[in-house]
C-alpha atoms as a PDB file:
ATOM      1  CA  MET A   1      40.879 -24.016  12.030  1.00  0.00           C
ATOM      2  CA  SER A   2      43.913 -21.248  11.652  1.00  0.00           C
ATOM      3  CA  PHE A   3      43.920 -18.387   9.202  1.00  0.00           C
ATOM      4  CA  PHE A   4      46.264 -20.487   7.530  1.00  0.00           C
ATOM      5  CA  GLY A   5      44.500 -24.018   7.769  1.00  0.00           C
ATOM      6  CA  ARG A   6      41.517 -22.337   5.459  1.00  0.00           C
ATOM      7  CA  PHE A   7      43.999 -21.535   2.418  1.00  0.00           C
ATOM      8  CA  PHE A   8      46.063 -24.382   2.616  1.00  0.00           C
ATOM      9  CA  GLY A   9      44.025 -27.135   3.938  1.00  0.00           C
ATOM     10  CA  LYS A  10      41.466 -29.432   2.028  1.00  0.00           C
ATOM     11  CA  PRO A  11      38.862 -27.591   0.064  1.00  0.00           C
ATOM     12  CA  ARG A  12      35.662 -27.887   1.088  1.00  0.00           C
ATOM     13  CA  ARG A  13      33.069 -29.875  -0.746  1.00  0.00           C
ATOM     14  CA  SER A  14      30.228 -27.294  -1.760  1.00  0.00           C
ATOM     15  CA  HIS A  15      26.957 -28.577  -0.607  1.00  0.00           C
ATOM     16  CA  ARG A  16      24.450 -29.359  -3.791  1.00  0.00           C
ATOM     17  CA  PRO A  17      21.113 -27.907  -3.646  1.00  0.00           C
ATOM     18  CA  VAL A  18      18.090 -30.141  -2.976  1.00  0.00           C
ATOM     19  CA  SER A  19      16.105 -30.442  -5.736  1.00  0.00           C
ATOM     20  CA  LEU A  20      12.419 -31.358  -4.489  1.00  0.00           C
ATOM     21  CA  GLN A  21      10.147 -32.762  -7.385  1.00  0.00           C
ATOM     22  CA  LEU A  22       7.058 -31.018  -7.108  1.00  0.00           C
ATOM     23  CA  ASP A  23       3.758 -32.362  -8.040  1.00  0.00           C
ATOM     24  CA  GLU A  24       1.371 -30.279 -10.368  1.00  0.00           C
ATOM     25  CA  GLY A  25      -1.530 -30.834  -7.446  1.00  0.00           C
ATOM     26  CA  PHE A  26       0.980 -28.723  -5.356  1.00  0.00           C
ATOM     27  CA  LEU A  27       1.743 -26.144  -8.043  1.00  0.00           C
ATOM     28  CA  THR A  28      -1.781 -25.555  -8.666  1.00  0.00           C
ATOM     29  CA  SER A  29      -2.823 -25.099  -5.011  1.00  0.00           C
ATOM     30  CA  ARG A  30       0.283 -22.173  -4.618  1.00  0.00           C
ATOM     31  CA  ILE A  31      -1.436 -20.554  -7.892  1.00  0.00           C
ATOM     32  CA  THR A  32      -4.702 -20.450  -6.842  1.00  0.00           C
ATOM     33  CA  GLU A  33      -3.434 -19.112  -3.180  1.00  0.00           C
ATOM     34  CA  ALA A  34      -1.750 -16.752  -4.789  1.00  0.00           C
ATOM     35  CA  LYS A  35      -4.593 -15.527  -7.496  1.00  0.00           C
ATOM     36  CA  ARG A  36      -6.851 -15.406  -3.765  1.00  0.00           C
ATOM     37  CA  LEU A  37      -3.955 -13.227  -1.919  1.00  0.00           C
ATOM     38  CA  ASN A  38      -4.069 -11.526  -4.871  1.00  0.00           C
ATOM     39  CA  GLU A  39      -7.712 -10.764  -5.520  1.00  0.00           C
ATOM     40  CA  ASP A  40      -7.540  -9.895  -1.837  1.00  0.00           C
ATOM     41  CA  VAL A  41      -5.030  -7.213  -2.085  1.00  0.00           C
ATOM     42  CA  VAL A  42      -6.554  -5.338  -5.109  1.00  0.00           C
ATOM     43  CA  SER A  43     -10.361  -5.401  -3.301  1.00  0.00           C
ATOM     44  CA  SER A  44      -8.604  -3.624  -0.421  1.00  0.00           C
ATOM     45  CA  PHE A  45      -6.765  -1.123  -2.410  1.00  0.00           C
ATOM     46  CA  VAL A  46      -9.991  -0.482  -4.472  1.00  0.00           C
ATOM     47  CA  GLU A  47     -11.654   0.058  -1.370  1.00  0.00           C
ATOM     48  CA  THR A  48      -9.142   2.559  -0.067  1.00  0.00           C
ATOM     49  CA  THR A  49      -8.720   4.536  -2.888  1.00  0.00           C
ATOM     50  CA  GLN A  50     -12.891   4.858  -2.752  1.00  0.00           C
ATOM     51  CA  LYS A  51     -12.687   5.821   0.489  1.00  0.00           C
ATOM     52  CA  GLN A  52      -9.702   8.354  -0.040  1.00  0.00           C
ATOM     53  CA  VAL A  53     -12.001   9.695  -2.835  1.00  0.00           C
ATOM     54  CA  SER A  54     -14.570  10.406  -0.483  1.00  0.00           C
ATOM     55  CA  ASP A  55     -12.546  11.626   2.091  1.00  0.00           C
ATOM     56  CA  ALA A  56     -11.530  14.509  -0.262  1.00  0.00           C
ATOM     57  CA  LYS A  57     -15.045  15.057  -1.629  1.00  0.00           C
ATOM     58  CA  PHE A  58     -15.818  15.836   1.779  1.00  0.00           C
ATOM     59  CA  ALA A  59     -13.145  18.191   2.608  1.00  0.00           C
ATOM     60  CA  ARG A  60     -13.668  19.797  -0.926  1.00  0.00           C
ATOM     61  CA  GLN A  61     -17.597  20.217   0.252  1.00  0.00           C
ATOM     62  CA  VAL A  62     -16.017  21.557   3.807  1.00  0.00           C
ATOM     63  CA  ILE A  63     -14.026  24.324   2.929  1.00  0.00           C
ATOM     64  CA  ARG A  64     -16.736  25.649   0.358  1.00  0.00           C
ATOM     65  CA  ASP A  65     -18.703  25.924   3.093  1.00  0.00           C
ATOM     66  CA  VAL A  66     -16.547  27.773   4.986  1.00  0.00           C
ATOM     67  CA  LEU A  67     -15.371  29.800   2.492  1.00  0.00           C
ATOM     68  CA  GLN A  68     -19.091  30.832   1.612  1.00  0.00           C
ATOM     69  CA  ARG A  69     -19.357  31.143   5.538  1.00  0.00           C
ATOM     70  CA  ALA A  70     -16.808  33.367   5.546  1.00  0.00           C
ATOM     71  CA  ASP A  71     -18.155  35.666   2.946  1.00  0.00           C
ATOM     72  CA  ASN A  72     -21.420  36.095   4.011  1.00  0.00           C
ATOM     73  CA  LEU A  73     -20.163  37.464   7.198  1.00  0.00           C
ATOM     74  CA  LYS A  74     -18.101  39.584   5.339  1.00  0.00           C
ATOM     75  CA  ALA A  75     -20.701  40.770   3.535  1.00  0.00           C
ATOM     76  CA  LEU A  76     -23.364  41.217   6.984  1.00  0.00           C
ATOM     77  CA  HIS A  77     -20.597  42.982   8.701  1.00  0.00           C
ATOM     78  CA  HIS A  78     -19.938  45.378   5.876  1.00  0.00           C
ATOM     79  CA  ALA A  79     -24.236  45.686   5.294  1.00  0.00           C
ATOM     80  CA  GLY A  80     -24.634  48.552   7.650  1.00  0.00           C
ATOM     81  CA  ASN A  81     -21.701  50.515   6.475  1.00  0.00           C
ATOM     82  CA  LYS A  82     -22.633  53.386   4.460  1.00  0.00           C
ATOM     83  CA  LYS A  83     -20.345  55.568   3.109  1.00  0.00           C
END
């Protein structure tokens, strides 16, 4: 179709959307599936946050231990110095 034919030709028929008749069983199955997927996502999120909390506690403990060891080494290094 040419460029002018699109503007001056017959108007195209618009396609009507097909309306589906959905039964209650289909809708309830979709709702239960969505609820199950939501529960899976929420439980995965909770597990991930718990793992992040435990990782943060472990990192704090490691840092605390490293700083304590560094302080102890400084104290041992300077223990023999006399003024």
